[in-house]
Amino acid sequence: MSTMSPELALVDPELRAEAVARLPPVYVNAFLEFPRLPVAAPTVRAPGFRLSAALAYLALAIARTAAFDAVVFACVAVLVFLASVVA
């Protein structure tokens, strides 16, 4: 016996049988299937903006690294100078 709504159980048996016969079949694992997505044609874009953004990021990264290295070098030089003066 299949599960029916209470409304169908209250109507006459012929209408109930007809309504149940018109119900679509239920596939238990239907939620596991996904419809195939349409394949879109690849679009070709000019790499100008992305390339310039990448080059700007590279230049910024090099400048930041050089500045940090200069600060570290200066700190180590000052520590070595102070150590040589004290000793």
Protein backbone atom coordinates (compact mmCIF):
# COMPACT_ATOMS: atom_id res chain seq x y z
CA MET A 1 0.00 0.00 0.00
CA SER A 2 1.32 3.42 -0.91
CA THR A 3 1.10 6.56 1.15
CA MET A 4 -1.80 8.84 0.23
CA SER A 5 -2.86 12.25 1.35
CA PRO A 6 -5.89 12.36 3.67
CA GLU A 7 -7.88 14.25 1.05
CA LEU A 8 -7.63 11.33 -1.38
CA ALA A 9 -8.63 8.85 1.31
CA LEU A 10 -11.90 10.74 1.87
CA VAL A 11 -13.10 10.68 -1.73
CA ASP A 12 -14.68 7.85 -3.57
CA PRO A 13 -12.47 4.79 -4.31
CA GLU A 14 -12.65 5.22 -8.10
CA LEU A 15 -11.43 8.82 -7.92
CA ARG A 16 -8.74 7.79 -5.48
CA ALA A 17 -7.53 5.00 -7.77
CA GLU A 18 -7.51 7.37 -10.75
CA ALA A 19 -5.62 10.06 -8.81
CA VAL A 20 -3.04 7.57 -7.57
CA ALA A 21 -2.61 6.18 -11.09
CA ARG A 22 -1.87 9.72 -12.40
CA LEU A 23 0.87 10.38 -9.86
CA PRO A 24 4.35 10.35 -11.37
CA PRO A 25 6.61 7.50 -10.37
CA VAL A 26 8.86 8.33 -7.44
CA TYR A 27 12.54 7.51 -7.75
CA VAL A 28 14.04 7.23 -4.27
CA ASN A 29 17.54 8.46 -5.20
CA ALA A 30 16.43 11.25 -7.55
CA PHE A 31 18.10 13.87 -5.34
CA LEU A 32 21.49 12.30 -6.13
CA GLU A 33 21.22 13.00 -9.85
CA PHE A 34 21.97 16.38 -11.35
CA PRO A 35 20.88 17.55 -14.79
CA ARG A 36 23.68 18.07 -17.27
CA LEU A 37 24.65 21.70 -17.61
CA PRO A 38 24.89 23.16 -21.10
CA VAL A 39 28.43 23.59 -22.33
CA ALA A 40 29.19 27.20 -23.11
CA ALA A 41 31.61 28.18 -25.84
CA PRO A 42 34.88 29.42 -24.37
CA THR A 43 35.40 33.14 -24.66
CA VAL A 44 38.83 34.47 -25.50
CA ARG A 45 39.80 37.59 -23.62
CA ALA A 46 42.79 39.79 -24.10
CA PRO A 47 45.28 39.26 -21.27
CA GLY A 48 46.14 42.98 -21.12
CA PHE A 49 44.40 43.89 -17.87
CA ARG A 50 45.34 40.70 -16.07
CA LEU A 51 48.94 40.95 -17.21
CA SER A 52 49.29 44.55 -16.08
CA ALA A 53 47.70 43.73 -12.72
CA ALA A 54 50.08 40.80 -12.29
CA LEU A 55 53.08 42.96 -13.16
CA ALA A 56 51.96 45.67 -10.73
CA TYR A 57 51.56 43.07 -7.98
CA LEU A 58 55.01 41.65 -8.78
CA ALA A 59 56.61 45.11 -8.65
CA LEU A 60 54.90 45.85 -5.33
CA ALA A 61 56.02 42.51 -3.88
CA ILE A 62 59.63 43.13 -4.96
CA ALA A 63 59.59 46.64 -3.48
CA ARG A 64 58.16 45.41 -0.17
CA THR A 65 60.72 42.62 0.01
CA ALA A 66 63.59 44.99 -0.73
CA ALA A 67 62.41 47.47 1.90
CA PHE A 68 62.04 44.73 4.53
CA ASP A 69 65.49 43.32 3.69
CA ALA A 70 66.99 46.81 3.98
CA VAL A 71 65.44 47.30 7.44
CA VAL A 72 66.67 43.89 8.63
CA PHE A 73 70.17 44.59 7.23
CA ALA A 74 70.28 47.97 8.98
CA CYS A 75 69.17 46.46 12.30
CA VAL A 76 71.79 43.72 12.12
CA ALA A 77 74.47 46.29 11.17
CA VAL A 78 73.54 48.46 14.17
CA LEU A 79 73.63 45.45 16.51
CA VAL A 80 77.05 44.39 15.22
CA PHE A 81 78.34 47.97 15.60
CA LEU A 82 77.03 48.18 19.16
CA ALA A 83 78.50 44.78 20.01
CA SER A 84 81.90 45.82 18.67
CA VAL A 85 81.86 49.14 20.55
CA VAL A 86 80.93 47.53 23.87
CA ALA A 87 83.50 44.75 23.64
